[in-house]
Structure formats: structure tokens, C-alpha cells
Amino acid sequence: MRPRPGRAAGLGGALLAAALLSAGCGEQTPLSPSAERGRQVYLAQCVSCHGPEPGRDGPLGPAVKGASRELLEARVLRGTYPPGYTPKRPTRVMPPLPALAADIPALADYLR
């Protein structure tokens, strides 16, 4: 049985796309164990509102790349802002998540 023309090309194209996706678009520096833990926390707890890319605004929340530990503690643990901080979006949509207290340092490492 001969393969249909185009089917082999489609399979080859799919394999090429998979190889390119797995290779990435350039070299990435491996994360420290703490930053990797923070990435896991971000993916599990933050991505639905802040989006998959911390440096870009998400569907509900603003970009959070570079957020300080002080800001993370205030927003994530208490639902407030640090004294003197001007929020990007002055809303109260984000609920406090005090269960993440132990993960704040790792989250700060990832967002740095």
C-alpha cells in the first residue's frame, strides 16, 4: 500500500513542529531549585488570572514579572498593597491566598 501524497508531508511537518517546540526558541538558563518551585506555584495558582507569561498582562490580572517579595506578601497573603505602592489595576478581584505563605520566597525567585 502506497502512502497518499501529502500524508507523508503532513506527518513530516508535524514531526518537525514537535521537534521545534521541544527544542525551544533559543537557549534558556536553567532555573534554580527555588525558582523552579516558584514556577510550579505560578502555574498552579496564578496562571488562570495572570496568564502563562508573567511579563504580560493576563485575562484578569496584570503582568507580575519583577514583583517584589514585599508586594507578593501583601497581595497574596493579605489582599492588600505595601505602603506607598501604586497598583497597576486598583481592583479587589484577587482573593488572599494565605496557604501560599511558605511559597512566597520561591514565587519571588521565579518572578525576578
N, C-alpha and C. Protein backbone atom coordinates (compact mmCIF):
# COMPACT_ATOMS: atom_id res chain seq x y z
N MET A 1 0.84 -1.17 0.00
CA MET A 1 0.00 0.00 0.00
C MET A 1 0.89 1.23 0.00
N ARG A 2 0.65 2.12 -0.94
CA ARG A 2 1.46 3.32 -1.05
C ARG A 2 0.85 4.45 -0.22
N PRO A 3 1.70 5.25 0.45
CA PRO A 3 1.15 6.38 1.18
C PRO A 3 0.56 7.40 0.22
N ARG A 4 -0.49 8.02 0.63
CA ARG A 4 -1.11 9.06 -0.20
C ARG A 4 -0.19 10.26 -0.25
N PRO A 5 -0.10 10.92 -1.40
CA PRO A 5 0.73 12.12 -1.46
C PRO A 5 0.19 13.14 -0.47
N GLY A 6 1.03 13.83 0.17
CA GLY A 6 0.59 14.83 1.14
C GLY A 6 0.51 14.29 2.55
N ARG A 7 0.17 13.01 2.70
CA ARG A 7 0.09 12.43 4.03
C ARG A 7 1.48 12.36 4.66
N ALA A 8 2.46 11.92 3.89
CA ALA A 8 3.83 11.85 4.39
C ALA A 8 4.33 13.25 4.71
N ALA A 9 4.01 14.21 3.85
CA ALA A 9 4.43 15.58 4.10
C ALA A 9 3.77 16.12 5.37
N GLY A 10 2.50 15.77 5.57
CA GLY A 10 1.81 16.22 6.78
C GLY A 10 2.43 15.64 8.03
N LEU A 11 2.77 14.36 7.97
CA LEU A 11 3.42 13.71 9.10
C LEU A 11 4.79 14.31 9.35
N GLY A 12 5.52 14.54 8.26
CA GLY A 12 6.85 15.16 8.40
C GLY A 12 6.74 16.55 8.99
N GLY A 13 5.75 17.30 8.56
CA GLY A 13 5.54 18.65 9.10
C GLY A 13 5.19 18.62 10.58
N ALA A 14 4.38 17.64 10.96
CA ALA A 14 4.01 17.51 12.38
C ALA A 14 5.23 17.14 13.22
N LEU A 15 6.07 16.24 12.68
CA LEU A 15 7.28 15.87 13.42
C LEU A 15 8.24 17.05 13.55
N LEU A 16 8.37 17.82 12.46
CA LEU A 16 9.23 18.99 12.51
C LEU A 16 8.72 20.00 13.53
N ALA A 17 7.42 20.24 13.54
CA ALA A 17 6.84 21.18 14.51
C ALA A 17 7.07 20.71 15.93
N ALA A 18 6.90 19.41 16.17
CA ALA A 18 7.12 18.87 17.52
C ALA A 18 8.58 19.03 17.93
N ALA A 19 9.50 18.79 16.99
CA ALA A 19 10.92 18.93 17.31
C ALA A 19 11.26 20.38 17.63
N LEU A 20 10.72 21.32 16.86
CA LEU A 20 10.99 22.74 17.12
C LEU A 20 10.43 23.18 18.46
N LEU A 21 9.23 22.72 18.79
CA LEU A 21 8.63 23.08 20.07
C LEU A 21 9.43 22.53 21.24
N SER A 22 9.91 21.30 21.10
CA SER A 22 10.66 20.71 22.20
C SER A 22 12.03 21.33 22.34
N ALA A 23 12.58 21.85 21.24
CA ALA A 23 13.91 22.46 21.29
C ALA A 23 13.85 23.87 21.87
N GLY A 24 12.72 24.52 21.77
CA GLY A 24 12.60 25.88 22.27
C GLY A 24 13.11 26.87 21.25
N CYS A 25 12.97 28.12 21.55
CA CYS A 25 13.39 29.18 20.64
C CYS A 25 14.61 29.88 21.19
N GLY A 26 15.64 29.19 21.43
CA GLY A 26 16.85 29.79 21.97
C GLY A 26 17.22 29.12 23.28
N GLU A 27 18.40 29.45 23.73
CA GLU A 27 18.88 28.86 24.97
C GLU A 27 18.20 29.51 26.16
N GLN A 28 17.82 28.69 27.12
CA GLN A 28 17.23 29.20 28.34
C GLN A 28 18.10 28.78 29.50
N THR A 29 18.31 29.70 30.40
CA THR A 29 19.09 29.39 31.58
C THR A 29 18.25 28.53 32.51
N PRO A 30 18.80 27.42 33.00
CA PRO A 30 18.02 26.60 33.93
C PRO A 30 17.69 27.39 35.19
N LEU A 31 16.52 27.14 35.72
CA LEU A 31 16.09 27.83 36.94
C LEU A 31 16.74 27.19 38.15
N SER A 32 16.94 28.00 39.17
CA SER A 32 17.40 27.46 40.45
C SER A 32 16.28 26.58 41.01
N PRO A 33 16.58 25.70 41.95
CA PRO A 33 15.51 24.89 42.54
C PRO A 33 14.38 25.75 43.14
N SER A 34 14.74 26.86 43.76
CA SER A 34 13.71 27.74 44.34
C SER A 34 12.85 28.37 43.25
N ALA A 35 13.49 28.88 42.20
CA ALA A 35 12.73 29.50 41.11
C ALA A 35 11.87 28.46 40.39
N GLU A 36 12.36 27.24 40.26
CA GLU A 36 11.55 26.18 39.64
C GLU A 36 10.33 25.88 40.50
N ARG A 37 10.50 25.88 41.81
CA ARG A 37 9.35 25.70 42.72
C ARG A 37 8.37 26.86 42.53
N GLY A 38 8.90 28.06 42.41
CA GLY A 38 8.05 29.23 42.17
C GLY A 38 7.31 29.14 40.85
N ARG A 39 7.96 28.60 39.84
CA ARG A 39 7.31 28.42 38.54
C ARG A 39 6.15 27.44 38.67
N GLN A 40 6.35 26.37 39.43
CA GLN A 40 5.28 25.40 39.64
C GLN A 40 4.10 26.04 40.39
N VAL A 41 4.40 26.85 41.39
CA VAL A 41 3.35 27.55 42.14
C VAL A 41 2.61 28.50 41.20
N TYR A 42 3.37 29.24 40.38
CA TYR A 42 2.75 30.17 39.44
C TYR A 42 1.80 29.43 38.49
N LEU A 43 2.27 28.33 37.94
CA LEU A 43 1.45 27.57 37.01
C LEU A 43 0.19 27.01 37.68
N ALA A 44 0.31 26.61 38.93
CA ALA A 44 -0.83 26.02 39.64
C ALA A 44 -1.79 27.06 40.19
N GLN A 45 -1.29 28.21 40.60
CA GLN A 45 -2.13 29.16 41.33
C GLN A 45 -2.39 30.49 40.62
N CYS A 46 -1.52 30.90 39.72
CA CYS A 46 -1.57 32.26 39.20
C CYS A 46 -1.94 32.38 37.72
N VAL A 47 -1.63 31.34 36.95
CA VAL A 47 -1.73 31.43 35.51
C VAL A 47 -3.15 31.70 35.01
N SER A 48 -4.16 31.23 35.70
CA SER A 48 -5.53 31.42 35.21
C SER A 48 -5.93 32.89 35.16
N CYS A 49 -5.40 33.71 36.04
CA CYS A 49 -5.73 35.14 36.02
C CYS A 49 -4.61 35.99 35.41
N HIS A 50 -3.37 35.64 35.70
CA HIS A 50 -2.23 36.46 35.25
C HIS A 50 -1.65 35.98 33.93
N GLY A 51 -2.12 34.85 33.40
CA GLY A 51 -1.67 34.37 32.11
C GLY A 51 -0.39 33.55 32.21
N PRO A 52 -0.05 32.83 31.14
CA PRO A 52 1.10 31.93 31.16
C PRO A 52 2.45 32.66 31.13
N GLU A 53 2.47 33.90 30.70
CA GLU A 53 3.71 34.66 30.61
C GLU A 53 3.68 35.77 31.66
N PRO A 54 4.46 35.63 32.75
CA PRO A 54 4.40 36.62 33.83
C PRO A 54 4.72 38.05 33.41
N GLY A 55 5.40 38.22 32.29
CA GLY A 55 5.76 39.56 31.82
C GLY A 55 4.67 40.24 31.01
N ARG A 56 3.55 39.56 30.80
CA ARG A 56 2.43 40.14 30.04
C ARG A 56 1.17 40.14 30.88
N ASP A 57 0.32 41.11 30.63
CA ASP A 57 -0.97 41.13 31.32
C ASP A 57 -1.75 39.87 30.99
N GLY A 58 -2.46 39.35 32.01
CA GLY A 58 -3.28 38.17 31.82
C GLY A 58 -4.72 38.57 31.56
N PRO A 59 -5.62 37.60 31.48
CA PRO A 59 -7.02 37.90 31.21
C PRO A 59 -7.69 38.70 32.33
N LEU A 60 -7.25 38.52 33.57
CA LEU A 60 -7.84 39.28 34.69
C LEU A 60 -6.80 40.10 35.45
N GLY A 61 -5.60 39.58 35.57
CA GLY A 61 -4.58 40.23 36.38
C GLY A 61 -3.48 40.84 35.54
N PRO A 62 -2.77 41.79 36.11
CA PRO A 62 -1.68 42.45 35.38
C PRO A 62 -0.43 41.57 35.32
N ALA A 63 0.52 42.00 34.51
CA ALA A 63 1.83 41.35 34.46
C ALA A 63 2.44 41.41 35.87
N VAL A 64 3.11 40.33 36.26
CA VAL A 64 3.67 40.27 37.62
C VAL A 64 5.18 40.04 37.62
N LYS A 65 5.77 39.95 36.44
CA LYS A 65 7.22 39.76 36.37
C LYS A 65 7.90 40.92 37.10
N GLY A 66 8.85 40.59 37.95
CA GLY A 66 9.57 41.60 38.71
C GLY A 66 8.89 42.01 40.01
N ALA A 67 7.76 41.39 40.34
CA ALA A 67 7.07 41.73 41.59
C ALA A 67 7.99 41.44 42.78
N SER A 68 8.07 42.37 43.69
CA SER A 68 8.92 42.20 44.87
C SER A 68 8.29 41.23 45.85
N ARG A 69 9.13 40.72 46.71
CA ARG A 69 8.63 39.82 47.75
C ARG A 69 7.64 40.56 48.65
N GLU A 70 7.92 41.82 48.93
CA GLU A 70 7.02 42.63 49.76
C GLU A 70 5.64 42.75 49.11
N LEU A 71 5.60 42.99 47.81
CA LEU A 71 4.33 43.08 47.10
C LEU A 71 3.61 41.73 47.10
N LEU A 72 4.36 40.66 46.85
CA LEU A 72 3.75 39.33 46.85
C LEU A 72 3.16 38.98 48.20
N GLU A 73 3.89 39.29 49.27
CA GLU A 73 3.36 39.01 50.61
C GLU A 73 2.08 39.78 50.87
N ALA A 74 2.07 41.05 50.49
CA ALA A 74 0.87 41.88 50.73
C ALA A 74 -0.31 41.38 49.90
N ARG A 75 -0.09 41.17 48.60
CA ARG A 75 -1.20 40.80 47.73
C ARG A 75 -1.67 39.36 47.95
N VAL A 76 -0.71 38.44 47.97
CA VAL A 76 -1.08 37.02 48.04
C VAL A 76 -1.58 36.64 49.43
N LEU A 77 -0.92 37.12 50.45
CA LEU A 77 -1.29 36.69 51.80
C LEU A 77 -2.42 37.50 52.42
N ARG A 78 -2.45 38.81 52.16
CA ARG A 78 -3.43 39.68 52.84
C ARG A 78 -4.42 40.37 51.91
N GLY A 79 -4.17 40.33 50.60
CA GLY A 79 -5.07 41.02 49.67
C GLY A 79 -4.94 42.53 49.74
N THR A 80 -3.78 43.02 50.19
CA THR A 80 -3.54 44.45 50.31
C THR A 80 -2.36 44.84 49.42
N TYR A 81 -1.94 46.08 49.53
CA TYR A 81 -0.74 46.56 48.85
C TYR A 81 0.24 47.07 49.90
N PRO A 82 1.54 47.03 49.59
CA PRO A 82 2.51 47.59 50.54
C PRO A 82 2.29 49.11 50.68
N PRO A 83 2.68 49.68 51.79
CA PRO A 83 2.53 51.13 51.96
C PRO A 83 3.23 51.89 50.84
N GLY A 84 2.53 52.86 50.28
CA GLY A 84 3.09 53.71 49.24
C GLY A 84 3.10 53.11 47.85
N TYR A 85 2.61 51.88 47.69
CA TYR A 85 2.62 51.22 46.38
C TYR A 85 1.41 51.69 45.57
N THR A 86 1.64 52.02 44.31
CA THR A 86 0.55 52.38 43.40
C THR A 86 0.26 51.18 42.52
N PRO A 87 -0.92 50.57 42.66
CA PRO A 87 -1.23 49.36 41.89
C PRO A 87 -1.41 49.65 40.40
N LYS A 88 -1.11 48.63 39.59
CA LYS A 88 -1.32 48.73 38.14
C LYS A 88 -2.81 48.75 37.83
N ARG A 89 -3.57 47.99 38.60
CA ARG A 89 -5.02 47.92 38.45
C ARG A 89 -5.61 47.97 39.85
N PRO A 90 -6.20 49.06 40.24
CA PRO A 90 -6.72 49.18 41.61
C PRO A 90 -8.04 48.44 41.79
N THR A 91 -7.97 47.12 41.76
CA THR A 91 -9.17 46.31 41.94
C THR A 91 -9.00 45.44 43.18
N ARG A 92 -10.07 44.82 43.57
CA ARG A 92 -10.03 43.90 44.71
C ARG A 92 -10.51 42.51 44.27
N VAL A 93 -10.21 42.17 43.03
CA VAL A 93 -10.65 40.89 42.48
C VAL A 93 -9.86 39.73 43.07
N MET A 94 -8.57 39.93 43.30
CA MET A 94 -7.72 38.84 43.78
C MET A 94 -7.99 38.55 45.25
N PRO A 95 -8.37 37.30 45.53
CA PRO A 95 -8.60 36.94 46.93
C PRO A 95 -7.27 36.62 47.61
N PRO A 96 -7.16 36.84 48.91
CA PRO A 96 -5.96 36.43 49.64
C PRO A 96 -5.80 34.91 49.57
N LEU A 97 -4.57 34.46 49.48
CA LEU A 97 -4.27 33.03 49.43
C LEU A 97 -3.23 32.71 50.50
N PRO A 98 -3.61 32.79 51.77
CA PRO A 98 -2.64 32.61 52.85
C PRO A 98 -1.99 31.23 52.88
N ALA A 99 -2.58 30.25 52.25
CA ALA A 99 -1.98 28.91 52.21
C ALA A 99 -0.66 28.90 51.43
N LEU A 100 -0.40 29.96 50.66
CA LEU A 100 0.83 30.03 49.87
C LEU A 100 1.98 30.72 50.62
N ALA A 101 1.81 30.99 51.89
CA ALA A 101 2.83 31.73 52.65
C ALA A 101 4.22 31.12 52.52
N ALA A 102 4.33 29.81 52.61
CA ALA A 102 5.64 29.16 52.54
C ALA A 102 6.24 29.23 51.14
N ASP A 103 5.42 29.49 50.12
CA ASP A 103 5.90 29.53 48.74
C ASP A 103 6.24 30.92 48.24
N ILE A 104 6.03 31.95 49.04
CA ILE A 104 6.30 33.32 48.60
C ILE A 104 7.76 33.51 48.19
N PRO A 105 8.75 33.04 48.96
CA PRO A 105 10.14 33.23 48.53
C PRO A 105 10.42 32.58 47.16
N ALA A 106 9.91 31.39 46.93
CA ALA A 106 10.12 30.71 45.66
C ALA A 106 9.41 31.46 44.52
N LEU A 107 8.21 31.92 44.78
CA LEU A 107 7.47 32.69 43.77
C LEU A 107 8.23 33.97 43.42
N ALA A 108 8.77 34.64 44.42
CA ALA A 108 9.56 35.86 44.19
C ALA A 108 10.80 35.53 43.36
N ASP A 109 11.44 34.40 43.64
CA ASP A 109 12.62 33.99 42.85
C ASP A 109 12.23 33.77 41.39
N TYR A 110 11.11 33.13 41.15
CA TYR A 110 10.68 32.87 39.78
C TYR A 110 10.34 34.17 39.05
N LEU A 111 9.64 35.07 39.71
CA LEU A 111 9.19 36.30 39.06
C LEU A 111 10.30 37.33 38.89
N ARG A 112 11.41 37.12 39.57
CA ARG A 112 12.53 38.05 39.49
C ARG A 112 13.06 38.12 38.13
